[in-house]
Protein backbone atom coordinates (compact mmCIF):
# COMPACT_ATOMS: atom_id res chain seq x y z
CA MET A 1 28.08 72.74 -96.99
CA SER A 2 30.69 75.21 -98.42
CA MET A 3 29.32 76.07 -101.84
CA SER A 4 30.24 79.75 -102.63
CA SER A 5 27.61 82.42 -102.55
CA THR A 6 28.29 83.00 -106.35
CA ASP A 7 27.86 79.33 -107.15
CA PHE A 8 24.59 79.16 -105.28
CA ALA A 9 23.38 82.36 -106.81
CA SER A 10 23.95 80.79 -110.17
CA LEU A 11 21.93 77.63 -109.14
CA LEU A 12 19.12 79.78 -108.08
CA CYS A 13 19.05 81.89 -111.35
CA SER A 14 19.11 78.70 -113.39
CA ARG A 15 16.21 77.33 -111.38
CA LEU A 16 14.18 80.59 -111.85
CA CYS A 17 14.93 80.67 -115.58
CA HIS A 18 13.90 77.04 -116.15
CA ASP A 19 10.58 77.50 -114.14
CA LEU A 20 9.65 80.81 -115.89
CA LEU A 21 10.70 79.57 -119.41
CA SER A 22 7.36 77.81 -119.97
CA PRO A 23 4.80 80.64 -118.91
CA VAL A 24 6.99 83.45 -120.48
CA GLY A 25 7.41 81.37 -123.73
CA ALA A 26 3.66 80.85 -123.86
CA LEU A 27 3.18 84.55 -123.67
CA ASN A 28 5.59 85.14 -126.59
CA ASN A 29 3.81 82.42 -128.69
CA GLY A 30 0.33 83.91 -127.81
CA LEU A 31 1.28 87.35 -128.97
CA GLU A 32 2.60 85.89 -132.15
CA LEU A 33 -0.61 84.07 -132.76
CA LEU A 34 -2.62 87.19 -131.82
CA ALA A 35 -0.73 89.33 -134.41
CA ASP A 36 -1.65 86.86 -137.29
CA GLU A 37 -5.22 86.00 -136.07
CA HIS A 38 -8.28 87.84 -137.34
CA ASP A 39 -11.11 85.42 -136.34
CA PRO A 40 -12.76 87.06 -133.29
CA GLU A 41 -13.27 83.78 -131.58
CA MET A 42 -9.77 82.66 -132.04
CA ARG A 43 -8.56 86.12 -130.92
CA ALA A 44 -10.63 85.62 -127.75
CA ARG A 45 -9.07 82.31 -127.25
CA CYS A 46 -5.52 83.84 -127.66
CA LEU A 47 -6.20 86.47 -125.16
CA GLU A 48 -7.43 83.95 -122.61
CA LEU A 49 -4.21 82.00 -123.06
CA LEU A 50 -2.27 85.19 -122.71
CA SER A 51 -4.14 85.96 -119.46
CA ASP A 52 -3.38 82.50 -118.02
CA SER A 53 0.19 82.73 -118.94
CA ALA A 54 0.63 86.11 -117.42
CA ARG A 55 -1.08 85.12 -114.16
CA ALA A 56 1.08 81.91 -114.01
CA SER A 57 4.26 84.07 -114.51
CA ALA A 58 3.21 86.63 -111.83
CA ASN A 59 2.43 83.79 -109.40
CA LYS A 60 5.76 82.12 -109.89
CA LEU A 61 7.64 85.36 -109.50
CA LYS A 62 5.65 86.14 -106.29
CA PHE A 63 6.49 82.84 -104.78
CA PHE A 64 10.18 82.87 -105.83
CA ARG A 65 10.58 86.39 -104.59
CA LEU A 66 9.44 85.28 -101.18
CA ALA A 67 11.11 81.84 -101.11
CA PHE A 68 14.49 82.85 -102.53
CA GLY A 69 14.64 86.65 -102.34
CA ALA A 70 14.40 89.38 -99.74
CA ALA A 71 10.66 89.91 -100.02
CA GLY A 72 8.63 90.41 -96.86
CA GLY A 73 9.77 93.81 -95.85
CA PHE A 74 12.78 94.95 -93.74
CA GLY A 75 11.63 93.26 -90.45
CA GLU A 76 12.78 90.03 -89.09
CA THR A 77 9.41 88.31 -89.51
CA VAL A 78 6.92 87.82 -92.43
CA ASP A 79 3.16 87.66 -92.38
CA THR A 80 2.07 84.18 -92.90
CA ARG A 81 -0.72 85.21 -95.07
CA GLU A 82 1.98 86.27 -97.66
CA ALA A 83 3.19 82.64 -97.58
CA LYS A 84 -0.21 81.17 -97.88
CA SER A 85 -1.08 83.29 -100.83
CA ALA A 86 2.33 82.48 -102.49
CA ILE A 87 1.75 78.75 -102.13
CA GLU A 88 -1.87 78.92 -103.38
CA GLY A 89 -0.81 81.05 -106.31
CA LEU A 90 1.99 78.67 -107.28
CA PHE A 91 -0.24 75.48 -107.00
CA GLY A 92 -3.79 76.94 -107.33
CA ASP A 93 -4.30 76.20 -111.04
CA ASN A 94 -3.52 72.48 -110.37
CA SER A 95 -7.06 71.06 -110.08
CA ARG A 96 -5.63 67.73 -108.99
CA MET A 97 -4.04 69.23 -105.77
CA THR A 98 -5.67 70.24 -102.60
CA ILE A 99 -3.73 72.44 -100.12
CA GLY A 100 -4.20 72.30 -96.40
CA TRP A 101 -2.91 75.34 -94.39
CA LEU A 102 -2.33 74.55 -90.64
CA VAL A 103 -0.53 77.67 -89.61
CA ASP A 104 -2.14 79.61 -86.84
CA ALA A 105 0.78 82.04 -86.07
CA GLN A 106 0.23 85.50 -87.72
CA VAL A 107 3.92 86.03 -88.34
CA LEU A 108 6.91 83.76 -88.66
CA PRO A 109 10.81 84.55 -88.81
CA LYS A 110 11.99 85.10 -92.43
CA THR A 111 14.19 82.03 -92.34
CA ALA A 112 11.28 79.85 -91.13
CA ILE A 113 9.11 81.22 -94.04
CA LYS A 114 11.85 80.40 -96.68
CA VAL A 115 12.13 76.89 -95.22
CA LEU A 116 8.32 76.29 -95.14
CA LEU A 117 7.94 77.67 -98.82
CA ASN A 118 10.79 75.63 -100.19
CA LEU A 119 9.68 72.39 -98.64
CA ALA A 120 6.21 73.12 -99.89
CA LEU A 121 7.62 73.63 -103.29
CA ILE A 122 9.67 70.27 -103.16
CA ALA A 123 6.58 68.46 -101.77
CA GLY A 124 4.17 69.86 -104.36
CA ASP A 125 6.45 69.03 -107.22
CA ALA A 126 6.63 65.43 -105.97
CA LEU A 127 3.05 65.06 -106.28
CA VAL A 128 3.27 64.12 -109.92
CA ARG A 129 -0.39 63.10 -110.12
CA GLY A 130 -1.85 65.48 -107.67
CA GLY A 131 -2.99 64.84 -104.17
CA GLN A 132 -3.12 66.55 -100.80
CA LEU A 133 -0.42 69.09 -99.57
CA ASP A 134 -0.49 69.92 -95.98
CA ILE A 135 1.61 72.56 -94.44
CA GLY A 136 1.84 73.38 -90.85
CA ALA A 137 4.03 75.49 -88.63
CA GLU A 138 4.28 76.78 -84.99
CA VAL A 139 6.60 78.46 -82.72
CA HIS A 140 7.20 77.50 -79.09
CA ASP A 141 10.13 77.22 -76.67
CA GLY A 142 12.37 79.24 -78.86
CA MET A 143 12.01 77.07 -81.84
CA ALA A 144 10.21 77.26 -85.18
CA GLU A 145 8.74 74.01 -86.15
CA ILE A 146 7.56 73.22 -89.73
CA VAL A 147 5.90 70.19 -90.94
CA VAL A 148 4.99 69.49 -94.71
CA ARG A 149 3.02 66.49 -95.73
CA ALA A 150 2.30 65.31 -99.23
CA SER A 151 0.15 62.30 -100.00
CA GLY A 152 -1.22 61.13 -103.40
CA PRO A 153 -1.42 58.26 -105.92
CA ARG A 154 2.25 58.73 -107.03
CA ILE A 155 4.98 60.66 -105.08
CA VAL A 156 8.33 61.08 -106.73
CA LEU A 157 11.02 62.70 -104.70
CA ASP A 158 14.20 62.80 -106.92
CA GLY A 159 17.34 61.27 -105.33
CA GLU A 160 19.30 64.44 -105.96
CA LEU A 161 16.80 66.43 -103.79
CA ARG A 162 16.70 63.86 -101.15
CA GLY A 163 20.68 63.96 -101.10
CA ALA A 164 20.63 67.67 -101.02
CA LEU A 165 18.12 67.69 -98.06
CA SER A 166 20.18 65.24 -96.11
CA GLY A 167 23.52 66.86 -96.99
CA SER A 168 24.92 63.40 -98.42
CA SER A 169 25.25 64.50 -101.97
CA GLY A 170 27.97 67.22 -101.43
CA ASP A 171 28.27 70.50 -103.15
CA SER A 172 29.54 68.88 -106.36
CA GLY A 173 26.37 66.90 -106.73
CA ILE A 174 24.03 69.94 -106.67
CA SER A 175 22.32 70.93 -109.95
CA PRO A 176 19.66 73.82 -110.38
CA ARG A 177 16.95 71.39 -109.83
CA ALA A 178 18.09 70.87 -106.26
CA ALA A 179 18.57 74.61 -105.40
CA ALA A 180 15.43 74.75 -103.16
CA ALA A 181 16.59 71.53 -101.36
CA TYR A 182 20.19 72.94 -100.80
CA LEU A 183 18.65 76.21 -99.53
CA VAL A 184 16.45 74.51 -97.05
CA ARG A 185 19.48 72.40 -95.58
CA SER A 186 21.66 75.46 -95.42
CA LEU A 187 19.06 77.56 -93.54
CA VAL A 188 18.37 74.68 -91.21
CA ASN A 189 22.18 74.41 -90.54
CA GLU A 190 22.59 78.05 -89.98
CA GLY A 191 19.71 78.01 -87.50
CA ASP A 192 21.28 75.29 -85.41
CA GLY A 193 18.27 73.13 -86.32
CA THR A 194 17.22 69.70 -87.52
CA LEU A 195 15.65 68.44 -90.77
CA GLN A 196 13.91 65.11 -91.14
CA VAL A 197 12.68 63.40 -94.34
CA SER A 198 10.35 60.36 -94.53
CA ASP A 199 11.91 57.19 -95.97
CA PRO A 200 11.99 56.53 -99.69
CA ASP A 201 9.50 53.47 -99.32
CA ALA A 202 7.08 55.59 -97.16
CA GLU A 203 3.53 55.89 -98.47
CA ILE A 204 3.50 59.54 -97.80
CA LEU A 205 6.12 62.22 -98.13
CA LEU A 206 6.90 63.99 -94.86
CA PHE A 207 9.27 66.81 -94.14
CA GLY A 208 9.92 68.10 -90.63
CA ALA A 209 12.14 71.12 -89.83
CA ALA A 210 13.03 72.82 -86.57
CA LEU A 211 14.98 75.94 -86.36
CA ARG A 212 16.25 77.83 -83.29
CA LEU A 213 15.07 81.40 -83.13
CA GLY A 214 17.23 84.38 -82.26
C-alpha cells in the first residue's frame, strides 16, 4: 500500500465529514425550528431533538478521535475502557444492536486499539438490521490478537471494504467509505501482522487480526 499520507488524510476527512453531516445538520435544523416555534410542547420536543443530535455528534467525535486520531495520551498504550466507551457511544442508540465486550486487558497498544475500533466500526455498519457485535482482544507471546464478530438477520460488507481489508483493491480503488478498512490493513502490515476476514457467503462476519508488539 503506497497511498500518500496527504491522500489518506483527505480520505479520513471526507469520511468524518460524511458521518458528522447528519447529526450536525439535525442540530442546525432544530435550532431553526426552535427559533420559529412558540408552542411549549413543540419547543420541548425541539430541545429533545437538539439534545439527541448533540449527543450523537459528541459520541462520533469521541470515537473518531480515538480510532483515527492521536487520542489516548502520550504513552504507547490506551486504557481499554476508553475503547469500550467509544464503541458503546457510537452504537449505543441502536436498540437493535447488542454489544459484547470480551477484553480483559486493562490496556492495549495504541495500534491495537485503532485496529480494534475500526474493525468494530466496519462490523457494526455491516449489521444493517441490527444484531450482535462481539469484540475480543488479548495479548500473549508478544502479539496482540483481536477478534470482532458480527451476527444478525442481514449482514452486508461492501465489496470495496472487503477489497481494502484484503489489499486486493489497490490504492486507486479506495474511497472515503473504505478509509477505516484501509487504515486497518495499513496498521496490520506495519505491525508485521495478519488479517483474516470470513468468506462472503459465511453466515456471520468475522474479523481476526494479529499484530506484533514492539
